[in-house]
Protein backbone atom coordinates (compact mmCIF):
# COMPACT_ATOMS: atom_id res chain seq x y z
CA MET A 1 12.82 -112.85 120.24
CA ALA A 2 15.90 -110.66 120.46
CA GLU A 3 17.85 -113.18 118.40
CA GLU A 4 15.36 -112.83 115.49
CA LYS A 5 15.93 -109.10 115.06
CA PRO A 6 19.25 -109.40 113.17
CA GLN A 7 17.62 -111.92 110.80
CA LYS A 8 14.70 -109.58 110.11
CA LYS A 9 17.14 -106.76 109.68
CA SER A 10 19.19 -108.76 107.18
CA LYS A 11 16.04 -109.70 105.27
CA ARG A 12 15.03 -106.06 105.08
CA LYS A 13 18.50 -105.19 103.82
CA LEU A 14 18.22 -107.94 101.20
CA VAL A 15 14.87 -106.56 100.03
CA PHE A 16 16.30 -103.05 99.91
CA TRP A 17 19.33 -104.29 97.98
CA LEU A 18 17.14 -106.20 95.51
CA LEU A 19 14.79 -103.24 95.10
CA GLY A 20 17.70 -100.87 94.74
CA GLY A 21 19.38 -103.16 92.24
CA PHE A 22 16.17 -103.46 90.25
CA LEU A 23 15.70 -99.69 90.20
CA ALA A 24 19.33 -99.21 89.19
CA LEU A 25 18.91 -101.78 86.41
CA LEU A 26 15.70 -100.11 85.27
CA LEU A 27 17.38 -96.71 85.30
CA THR A 28 20.30 -98.17 83.32
CA VAL A 29 17.90 -99.62 80.75
CA VAL A 30 16.11 -96.29 80.44
CA ILE A 31 19.39 -94.40 80.04
CA VAL A 32 20.70 -96.90 77.50
CA GLY A 33 17.37 -96.80 75.69
CA ILE A 34 17.43 -93.00 75.52
CA VAL A 35 21.00 -93.09 74.25
CA ILE A 36 20.05 -95.63 71.57
CA ILE A 37 16.98 -93.65 70.54
CA LYS A 38 18.88 -90.39 70.45
CA GLY A 39 21.64 -92.11 68.53
CA TYR A 40 19.16 -93.44 65.99
CA LEU A 41 16.81 -90.47 65.87
CA ARG A 42 19.25 -87.69 65.01
CA GLU A 43 19.17 -84.84 62.51
CA ASP A 44 21.74 -86.63 60.33
CA THR A 45 19.65 -89.84 60.29
CA ILE A 46 16.35 -88.14 59.49
CA VAL A 47 17.89 -85.96 56.77
CA GLU A 48 19.71 -88.94 55.26
CA LEU A 49 16.56 -91.06 55.14
CA PHE A 50 14.49 -88.29 53.56
CA GLU A 51 17.08 -87.22 50.99
CA LYS A 52 17.64 -90.82 50.00
CA GLU A 53 14.02 -91.06 48.83
CA TYR A 54 13.21 -87.56 47.59
CA ASN A 55 14.80 -85.00 45.28
CA CYS A 56 15.18 -82.19 47.78
CA ARG A 57 17.48 -80.80 50.43
CA VAL A 58 16.29 -80.98 54.05
CA GLN A 59 17.38 -78.68 56.85
CA ILE A 60 16.44 -78.97 60.53
CA GLY A 61 16.85 -75.95 62.79
CA GLU A 62 16.41 -77.62 66.17
CA PHE A 63 16.03 -81.25 67.23
CA ALA A 64 15.26 -82.98 70.53
CA VAL A 65 14.16 -86.42 71.77
CA ASP A 66 12.49 -87.00 75.14
CA GLY A 67 11.41 -90.20 76.81
CA ILE A 68 11.69 -93.80 75.75
CA ALA A 69 8.25 -95.44 75.89
CA PRO A 70 6.93 -93.61 74.06
CA ALA A 71 9.65 -91.54 72.42
CA ARG A 72 8.75 -87.89 71.82
CA VAL A 73 10.54 -86.20 68.94
CA HIS A 74 10.53 -82.41 68.51
CA LEU A 75 11.80 -80.61 65.41
CA LYS A 76 11.79 -76.88 64.71
CA ASN A 77 12.28 -74.80 61.55
CA VAL A 78 12.33 -77.70 59.09
CA TRP A 79 13.02 -76.61 55.50
CA LEU A 80 12.53 -78.46 52.23
CA ALA A 81 14.44 -76.80 49.39
CA PRO A 82 15.43 -77.76 45.83
CA ARG A 83 18.14 -80.43 45.61
CA ASP A 84 21.75 -79.26 45.44
CA GLY A 85 25.25 -80.72 45.40
CA VAL A 86 25.40 -80.92 49.18
CA ALA A 87 22.38 -83.22 49.28
CA ASP A 88 23.64 -85.23 46.29
CA ALA A 89 26.94 -85.85 48.04
CA GLY A 90 25.19 -87.01 51.23
CA THR A 91 27.11 -84.52 53.40
CA PRO A 92 26.05 -85.05 57.05
CA HIS A 93 23.57 -82.46 58.22
CA SER A 94 25.85 -81.40 61.07
CA ASP A 95 28.65 -80.57 58.60
CA ARG A 96 26.59 -78.40 56.28
CA GLU A 97 26.54 -74.63 55.93
CA PRO A 98 22.93 -73.64 56.83
CA LEU A 99 20.65 -72.39 54.07
CA GLN A 100 19.57 -68.78 54.45
CA GLN A 101 16.88 -68.77 51.74
CA GLY A 102 15.29 -70.90 49.03
CA ALA A 103 12.91 -73.04 51.12
CA VAL A 104 9.80 -74.13 49.23
CA ILE A 105 8.17 -75.87 52.19
CA VAL A 106 8.69 -74.70 55.76
CA LEU A 107 7.46 -76.51 58.87
CA GLY A 108 7.56 -74.30 61.96
CA THR A 109 7.48 -77.16 64.45
CA VAL A 110 6.98 -80.90 64.18
CA ASP A 111 6.11 -83.02 67.21
CA LEU A 112 5.59 -86.76 67.04
CA VAL A 113 5.16 -89.56 69.51
CA THR A 114 6.28 -93.05 68.51
CA SER A 115 7.65 -96.28 69.95
CA PRO A 116 11.33 -97.22 69.49
CA GLY A 117 10.38 -100.88 69.45
CA ASP A 118 8.11 -100.35 66.45
CA LEU A 119 10.89 -98.55 64.63
CA LEU A 120 13.20 -101.52 65.14
CA LYS A 121 10.46 -103.79 63.72
CA LYS A 122 10.03 -101.40 60.77
CA GLU A 123 6.52 -100.53 61.87
CA LEU A 124 5.64 -96.85 61.98
CA ASN A 125 2.96 -96.72 64.66
CA ILE A 126 2.95 -93.00 65.41
CA GLN A 127 0.51 -92.16 68.16
CA LYS A 128 0.38 -88.47 67.31
CA LEU A 129 1.99 -86.15 64.77
CA VAL A 130 1.45 -82.40 64.96
CA VAL A 131 2.81 -79.87 62.47
CA ASP A 132 2.43 -76.22 63.39
CA GLY A 133 3.23 -73.30 61.09
CA LEU A 134 3.41 -75.16 57.76
CA ASN A 135 4.09 -72.74 54.90
CA VAL A 136 4.05 -73.88 51.26
CA ASN A 137 4.60 -71.92 48.02
CA PHE A 138 4.03 -73.53 44.64
CA LEU A 139 3.11 -72.95 41.00
CA ILE A 140 0.31 -74.82 39.19
CA GLU A 141 1.49 -75.66 35.69
CA ARG A 142 -0.64 -75.44 32.53
CA GLU A 143 -0.96 -79.21 32.20
CA GLY A 144 -1.98 -79.56 35.85
CA GLY A 145 1.28 -80.53 37.59
CA THR A 146 2.89 -78.33 40.23
CA SER A 147 6.32 -76.94 40.94
CA LEU A 148 6.42 -79.18 44.04
CA ASP A 149 6.41 -82.37 41.98
CA PRO A 150 10.20 -82.44 41.34
CA LEU A 151 10.88 -82.26 45.09
CA PHE A 152 9.32 -85.68 45.53
CA ASP A 153 10.90 -87.41 42.55
CA PRO A 154 13.66 -89.96 43.18
CA PRO A 155 17.02 -88.14 43.40
CA LYS A 156 19.59 -88.60 40.64
CA ARG A 157 22.41 -89.25 43.10
CA VAL A 158 22.40 -90.61 46.66
CA ALA A 159 25.49 -90.24 48.84
CA GLY A 160 27.48 -89.33 45.72
CA GLU A 161 26.44 -92.48 43.82
CA PRO A 162 23.92 -92.86 40.94
CA ASN A 163 20.43 -93.76 42.17
CA GLU A 164 18.97 -96.86 40.51
CA LYS A 165 15.41 -95.55 41.10
CA TYR A 166 16.04 -92.28 39.22
CA GLU A 167 15.45 -93.41 35.62
CA GLU A 168 12.25 -95.22 36.53
CA GLY A 169 10.95 -92.17 38.40
CA MET A 170 11.72 -89.79 35.54
CA ALA A 171 10.07 -92.10 33.02
CA ARG A 172 6.93 -92.20 35.17
CA ARG A 173 6.93 -88.39 35.45
CA GLU A 174 7.18 -87.97 31.66
CA ARG A 175 4.38 -90.47 31.06
CA ASN A 176 2.12 -88.61 33.47
CA LYS A 177 3.10 -85.28 31.90
CA GLU A 178 2.18 -86.51 28.41
CA ARG A 179 -1.04 -87.96 29.76
CA ARG A 180 -2.10 -84.59 31.18
CA LYS A 181 -1.74 -83.10 27.68
CA MET A 182 -4.31 -85.52 26.27
CA ALA A 183 -7.87 -84.48 25.55
CA ARG A 184 -10.11 -85.13 28.54
CA GLU A 185 -11.94 -87.97 26.78
CA GLU A 186 -8.66 -89.75 25.97
CA ARG A 187 -7.23 -89.11 29.42
CA GLU A 188 -10.18 -90.79 31.12
CA LYS A 189 -9.43 -94.02 29.23
CA SER A 190 -5.98 -94.35 30.80
CA GLU A 191 -4.84 -94.64 34.38
CA PRO A 192 -2.43 -92.07 35.87
CA GLU A 193 0.66 -93.42 37.62
CA THR A 194 -0.14 -91.87 40.96
CA PHE A 195 1.19 -92.38 44.47
CA ASN A 196 0.59 -95.97 45.48
CA ALA A 197 -0.02 -97.41 48.93
CA SER A 198 2.98 -99.67 48.34
CA ASP A 199 5.15 -96.52 48.33
CA ILE A 200 4.64 -96.40 52.10
CA PRO A 201 7.79 -98.17 53.37
CA MET A 202 6.08 -99.72 56.39
CA PRO A 203 2.55 -100.17 57.75
CA ALA A 204 1.24 -96.96 59.28
CA SER A 205 -1.44 -96.55 61.91
CA LEU A 206 -1.72 -93.07 63.41
CA LYS A 207 -4.07 -92.03 66.15
CA GLU A 208 -3.88 -88.40 65.07
CA LEU A 209 -2.16 -86.25 62.46
CA ARG A 210 -2.75 -82.53 62.77
CA VAL A 211 -1.62 -79.45 60.83
CA THR A 212 -2.33 -76.13 62.53
CA ASN A 213 -1.73 -72.40 61.99
CA SER A 214 -0.62 -73.09 58.44
CA ALA A 215 -0.80 -71.47 55.01
CA VAL A 216 -0.52 -72.60 51.40
CA PHE A 217 0.15 -70.16 48.55
CA GLY A 218 -0.34 -71.21 44.93
CA LYS A 219 -0.22 -69.41 41.61
CA ILE A 220 -1.76 -70.66 38.37
CA ARG A 221 0.82 -70.15 35.63
CA ARG A 222 -1.74 -69.78 32.83
CA THR A 223 -3.85 -67.02 34.41
CA LYS A 224 -1.44 -65.71 37.09
CA THR A 225 -4.32 -66.08 39.55
CA ARG A 226 -3.17 -66.46 43.16
CA ILE A 227 -4.79 -68.95 45.53
CA GLU A 228 -4.19 -68.59 49.24
CA PHE A 229 -5.28 -70.97 51.99
CA SER A 230 -4.73 -69.51 55.44
CA GLU A 231 -5.57 -70.36 59.07
CA ILE A 232 -5.43 -74.02 58.06
CA ASP A 233 -6.35 -76.52 60.74
CA ILE A 234 -6.52 -80.12 59.46
CA THR A 235 -6.89 -83.21 61.59
CA LEU A 236 -6.72 -86.80 60.37
CA LYS A 237 -7.74 -89.24 63.08
CA ASP A 238 -7.64 -93.02 63.28
CA ILE A 239 -5.44 -93.31 60.19
CA ASP A 240 -5.14 -96.99 59.39
CA VAL A 241 -3.27 -97.88 56.19
CA ASP A 242 -1.53 -101.16 55.50
CA PRO A 243 -0.48 -101.56 51.83
CA ASN A 244 -0.51 -105.34 52.33
CA ASP A 245 -4.12 -105.40 53.49
CA LEU A 246 -6.09 -102.46 52.08
CA THR A 247 -9.35 -104.37 52.45
CA LEU A 248 -9.22 -104.13 56.25
CA HIS A 249 -6.72 -101.29 56.75
CA ASN A 250 -7.59 -98.35 54.50
CA SER A 251 -9.40 -95.61 56.38
CA ALA A 252 -9.14 -92.24 58.13
CA THR A 253 -11.38 -89.54 59.58
CA LEU A 254 -10.95 -85.99 58.30
CA GLU A 255 -11.71 -82.66 59.94
CA MET A 256 -10.65 -79.39 58.31
CA ALA A 257 -11.07 -75.64 58.61
CA ALA A 258 -9.42 -72.98 56.45
CA LYS A 259 -9.90 -69.62 54.80
CA LEU A 260 -9.59 -69.39 51.02
CA THR A 261 -8.73 -66.19 49.17
CA ILE A 262 -8.39 -65.90 45.38
CA LYS A 263 -6.69 -62.80 43.98
CA ASN A 264 -5.31 -61.44 40.73
CA ARG A 265 -1.60 -61.50 39.94
CA ASP A 266 -0.92 -58.13 41.62
CA HIS A 267 -3.01 -58.81 44.74
CA THR A 268 -5.07 -55.72 43.87
CA VAL A 269 -8.36 -57.51 43.14
CA THR A 270 -9.94 -60.17 45.34
CA PHE A 271 -12.06 -62.61 43.36
CA ALA A 272 -13.27 -64.65 46.33
CA LYS A 273 -13.05 -64.91 50.11
CA MET A 274 -14.39 -68.11 51.63
CA ASP A 275 -14.55 -69.64 55.07
CA LEU A 276 -14.33 -73.42 54.60
CA ALA A 277 -14.90 -76.50 56.75
CA ALA A 278 -14.88 -80.22 55.98
CA SER A 279 -15.36 -83.47 57.84
CA GLY A 280 -16.06 -87.14 57.25
CA ASP A 281 -14.62 -90.61 56.89
CA ILE A 282 -12.35 -91.27 53.90
CA VAL A 283 -10.93 -94.31 52.10
CA PRO A 284 -7.55 -93.06 50.80
CA PHE A 285 -6.63 -95.86 48.37
CA ASP A 286 -8.33 -98.04 45.80
CA LYS A 287 -8.18 -101.46 47.48
CA SER A 288 -7.80 -103.33 44.18
CA THR A 289 -5.01 -101.25 42.58
CA GLY A 290 -3.42 -99.55 45.59
CA THR A 291 -3.46 -96.19 43.80
CA TRP A 292 -5.05 -93.04 45.16
CA ASN A 293 -8.80 -93.57 45.33
CA PRO A 294 -10.40 -91.86 42.27
CA ASP A 295 -13.81 -91.86 43.99
CA LEU A 296 -12.56 -90.12 47.12
CA ALA A 297 -14.99 -87.31 47.94
CA TYR A 298 -15.20 -84.70 50.69
CA ASP A 299 -18.13 -82.77 52.09
CA VAL A 300 -16.81 -79.20 52.06
CA THR A 301 -18.96 -76.50 53.67
CA VAL A 302 -18.71 -72.90 52.49
CA LYS A 303 -19.73 -70.79 55.47
CA THR A 304 -22.35 -68.06 55.55
CA GLY A 305 -20.86 -64.66 54.68
CA SER A 306 -18.32 -66.04 52.20
CA GLN A 307 -18.01 -63.84 49.11
CA ILE A 308 -17.44 -64.24 45.39
CA ALA A 309 -16.72 -61.06 43.47
CA GLU A 310 -17.58 -62.60 40.13
CA LEU A 311 -18.81 -65.97 38.87
CA PRO A 312 -18.07 -65.81 35.10
CA PRO A 313 -20.64 -68.42 33.93
CA LEU A 314 -23.46 -66.50 35.66
CA VAL A 315 -22.20 -63.13 34.38
CA LYS A 316 -22.19 -64.54 30.86
CA LEU A 317 -25.61 -66.13 31.36
CA GLY A 318 -27.09 -62.73 32.25
CA THR A 319 -26.20 -61.41 28.80
CA LYS A 320 -26.63 -64.59 26.78
CA ILE A 321 -30.42 -65.01 26.48
CA GLU A 322 -31.06 -62.60 23.63
CA LYS A 323 -34.83 -62.99 23.62
CA LEU A 324 -34.99 -61.79 27.23
CA ARG A 325 -32.97 -58.75 26.24
CA LYS A 326 -35.40 -58.08 23.39
CA LEU A 327 -38.17 -57.97 25.99
CA GLY A 328 -36.28 -55.24 27.81
CA ILE A 329 -35.14 -57.58 30.60
CA GLN A 330 -31.68 -56.62 31.88
CA LEU A 331 -29.80 -59.29 33.86
CA GLU A 332 -26.30 -57.83 33.62
CA GLY A 333 -24.33 -58.20 36.83
CA ILE A 334 -26.34 -61.19 37.99
CA GLY A 335 -23.14 -63.12 38.80
CA GLU A 336 -21.32 -60.30 40.58
CA GLU A 337 -20.80 -59.44 44.26
CA LEU A 338 -22.27 -62.71 45.52
CA VAL A 339 -22.56 -63.25 49.28
CA PHE A 340 -23.47 -66.65 50.75
CA GLU A 341 -26.70 -66.31 52.74
CA LYS A 342 -26.45 -69.77 54.33
CA ASP A 343 -23.92 -72.55 54.68
CA ALA A 344 -23.49 -74.50 51.44
CA THR A 345 -22.18 -78.06 51.60
CA VAL A 346 -20.50 -79.25 48.41
CA GLN A 347 -19.56 -82.89 47.93
CA MET A 348 -16.45 -82.82 45.79
CA GLY A 349 -13.56 -84.99 44.77
CA TYR A 350 -10.09 -84.12 43.49
CA PHE A 351 -8.41 -86.53 41.14
CA ASP A 352 -6.28 -86.30 38.01
CA ASN A 353 -5.91 -82.50 38.48
CA GLU A 354 -9.66 -81.97 38.38
CA LEU A 355 -12.08 -80.73 41.01
CA ARG A 356 -15.32 -82.68 40.50
CA ILE A 357 -18.79 -82.17 41.92
CA THR A 358 -20.08 -85.60 42.93
CA LYS A 359 -23.50 -84.68 44.33
CA ALA A 360 -26.18 -82.11 43.44
CA THR A 361 -25.39 -78.91 45.33
CA ASP A 362 -27.61 -76.02 46.40
CA VAL A 363 -25.97 -72.63 46.82
CA HIS A 364 -27.87 -69.58 48.07
CA PHE A 365 -26.28 -66.19 47.54
CA SER A 366 -27.55 -62.61 47.21
CA GLY A 367 -31.16 -63.77 46.94
CA HIS A 368 -30.40 -66.22 44.11
CA ARG A 369 -30.26 -70.00 44.24
CA LEU A 370 -27.79 -71.97 42.12
CA LEU A 371 -28.27 -75.70 41.70
CA VAL A 372 -25.05 -77.37 40.50
CA GLU A 373 -25.50 -80.81 38.98
CA PRO A 374 -23.14 -83.74 39.67
CA GLY A 375 -20.54 -84.29 36.97
CA SER A 376 -19.54 -80.63 36.82
CA TRP A 377 -15.75 -80.19 36.93
CA LEU A 378 -12.87 -77.70 36.84
CA ASN A 379 -9.27 -78.39 35.78
CA ASN A 380 -6.95 -76.47 38.10
CA GLY A 381 -4.14 -76.14 35.55
CA SER A 382 -5.80 -75.31 32.24
CA GLY A 383 -8.82 -73.54 33.71
CA GLU A 384 -11.09 -75.64 31.49
CA HIS A 385 -14.43 -76.55 32.99
CA GLU A 386 -17.90 -77.90 32.48
CA LEU A 387 -20.75 -76.66 34.64
CA LEU A 388 -24.31 -77.93 34.47
CA GLY A 389 -26.54 -75.68 36.51
CA GLU A 390 -29.90 -74.11 37.15
CA LEU A 391 -30.15 -70.53 38.33
CA PHE A 392 -33.23 -69.51 40.28
CA VAL A 393 -33.20 -65.72 40.03
CA SER A 394 -34.07 -63.76 43.18
CA GLN A 395 -37.71 -62.76 43.60
CA GLU A 396 -36.74 -59.09 43.63
CA LEU A 397 -34.89 -59.28 40.32
CA SER A 398 -37.59 -61.53 38.81
CA ASP A 399 -40.31 -59.01 39.68
CA GLN A 400 -38.17 -56.20 38.27
CA ALA A 401 -37.65 -58.19 35.05
CA ARG A 402 -41.41 -58.73 34.62
CA SER A 403 -42.08 -55.03 35.15
CA GLU A 404 -39.47 -54.12 32.52
CA ALA A 405 -40.97 -56.60 30.06
CA MET A 406 -44.52 -55.35 30.70
CA ALA A 407 -43.46 -51.77 30.03
CA TYR A 408 -41.60 -52.80 26.87
CA LEU A 409 -44.53 -54.75 25.38
CA GLU A 410 -47.07 -52.04 26.20
CA ASN A 411 -44.91 -49.41 24.52
CA GLU A 412 -43.68 -51.49 21.56
CA PHE A 413 -47.03 -52.98 20.52
CA LYS A 414 -49.32 -50.26 21.89
CA LEU A 415 -51.26 -52.77 23.97
CA GLY A 416 -52.98 -52.42 27.32
CA ALA A 417 -51.86 -54.17 30.47
CA ASP A 418 -54.84 -56.54 30.39
CA VAL A 419 -53.69 -57.81 26.98
CA VAL A 420 -49.96 -57.79 27.73
CA GLN A 421 -50.19 -59.77 30.99
CA PRO A 422 -51.33 -63.12 29.51
CA ILE A 423 -48.92 -62.68 26.59
CA LEU A 424 -46.01 -62.10 28.97
CA ASP A 425 -47.04 -65.17 30.98
CA LEU A 426 -46.83 -67.23 27.79
CA LEU A 427 -43.46 -65.76 26.86
CA LEU A 428 -41.88 -66.34 30.26
CA LYS A 429 -43.50 -69.70 31.02
CA PRO A 430 -40.46 -71.75 29.82
CA VAL A 431 -38.15 -69.77 32.13
CA THR A 432 -40.42 -69.52 35.16
CA LYS A 433 -40.60 -71.82 38.20
CA GLU A 434 -43.07 -70.93 40.90
CA THR A 435 -43.03 -67.11 40.78
CA GLY A 436 -39.43 -66.39 39.74
CA LEU A 437 -37.18 -66.64 36.69
CA TRP A 438 -35.46 -70.00 36.18
CA LEU A 439 -32.47 -70.28 33.86
CA PRO A 440 -30.99 -73.76 33.29
CA PHE A 441 -27.65 -73.63 31.45
CA LYS A 442 -24.46 -75.37 30.45
CA SER A 443 -21.08 -73.66 30.68
CA GLY A 444 -17.78 -74.89 29.24
CA GLY A 445 -14.35 -73.85 27.97
CA GLU A 446 -12.00 -71.63 29.97
CA PHE A 447 -13.62 -70.65 33.25
CA ARG A 448 -12.70 -66.97 33.00
CA ARG A 449 -14.12 -66.72 29.46
CA PRO A 450 -16.86 -69.34 29.46
CA LYS A 451 -19.08 -70.43 26.62
CA VAL A 452 -22.57 -70.46 28.08
CA VAL A 453 -25.52 -72.14 26.41
CA PRO A 454 -29.06 -71.80 27.88
CA ARG A 455 -30.83 -75.16 28.14
CA VAL A 456 -34.25 -73.60 27.59
CA ASP A 457 -35.82 -71.39 24.93
CA ILE A 458 -38.60 -68.80 24.91
CA GLY A 459 -40.81 -67.74 22.04
CA ASP A 460 -40.51 -64.62 19.93
CA ALA A 461 -42.74 -61.79 21.23
CA THR A 462 -44.21 -60.93 17.81
CA ASP A 463 -45.04 -64.57 17.04
CA VAL A 464 -46.71 -65.08 20.42
CA ILE A 465 -48.75 -61.87 20.05
CA MET A 466 -49.89 -62.83 16.55
CA GLU A 467 -50.76 -66.33 17.71
CA GLU A 468 -52.65 -64.94 20.70
CA ALA A 469 -54.46 -62.43 18.46
CA GLY A 470 -55.35 -65.19 16.01
CA THR A 471 -56.75 -67.37 18.77
CA LYS A 472 -58.95 -64.54 20.03
CA ALA A 473 -60.15 -63.79 16.48
CA LYS A 474 -61.11 -67.44 16.03
CA ASP A 475 -62.98 -67.43 19.35
CA LEU A 476 -64.80 -64.25 18.31
CA LEU A 477 -65.75 -65.74 14.91
CA LYS A 478 -67.00 -68.91 16.58
CA GLY A 479 -69.16 -66.79 18.90
CA LEU A 480 -70.66 -64.86 16.00
CA LEU A 481 -71.46 -68.07 14.12
CA GLY A 482 -72.93 -69.66 17.22
CA GLN A 483 -70.54 -72.57 17.14
């Protein structure tokens, strides 16, 4: 028995040596892997890849890589600025003089988790990508493009050499620019050259993409109106896009919350303040063409308490029906100081620079109800629009309108209330649903100065009174004749 002890001891040593060797090898692999990843995922590499594809200059404030399987990449203070000579020359990021101003897009922090093996296979399977503190400033042009568009064009020069993709990219931009100038009817007959799924350099399947604590500031060049989205929190989950197989891989789940404020050019007047939320499954690309899906629609909820200072089509509608005014009915201000009394869910799509209503929408504000019909749209660049709607006037204002009309008819025609009441019922019948006023209308032209046309008509008071008087005279004559 004593002779076996050295053998057992040597076996244990062998196990320890093997285990130690394995751990040392594993540690070596991990260290080498981290070195390789950090050598591949560097500021210079990321900046070079981005500036090779897009017409901008990229600056990264801080950069770090942790782990190997998966690899965790952390970036801080990422700037996207207009292209300059430094970017054209391909100067390494580490050799550049840092920008102090001029950023158009700022990302506070960017954290992503990916696999180095997938990168080597040219597959971008990011498990999670989180952007915090995104800040974007842009201008919406008259024809519908934005000042951000040039940042994502192909650059003219890459690493000091002419870029073969530049001419093609500029030609596509000009074609799209000319297309946006077309009349809406002509534009709908042609296809825009939009972002295509094939522009994604490798298949992408993300578990989660999130943008938090972010803000977007836009200004419409034509009207100088300022649009501000703040407290943005957007999550895209289960993103699955493969440009080679859009039939099976073309989906994502959206969740969004944000606050929207619309102001005048000097920030002195607030036109609207809205609390927004959205959610649902989306199909990003048209599976047959690969272009951005023109039928993509979102269910956007405008929360209770959201405010609109003025809705021009309704303001115009309140002064447009002349025959109501002749009855003494005053509806001025009907589209002003509107407060949402309940959540309103709007199904909308955004394509070809137009915001489109794709499903009938009920909006309740300040006692009124507005029914917006599908097919209504607003162009974000020109401000042109078409709105098909029905306004159900609040019961309070409807009752007030009837009282004003009763008083007017009694005074104007010297008639008693018992005679005026049935006449008023006849006059208002075309614009009455249930017990309130109902005003269907169509609005078009520039949204701030709309052309509003009522889609219903009422009779002339004098004609109705004469007709009513004639009917009663005939009934009286028939009674006298015994017929």
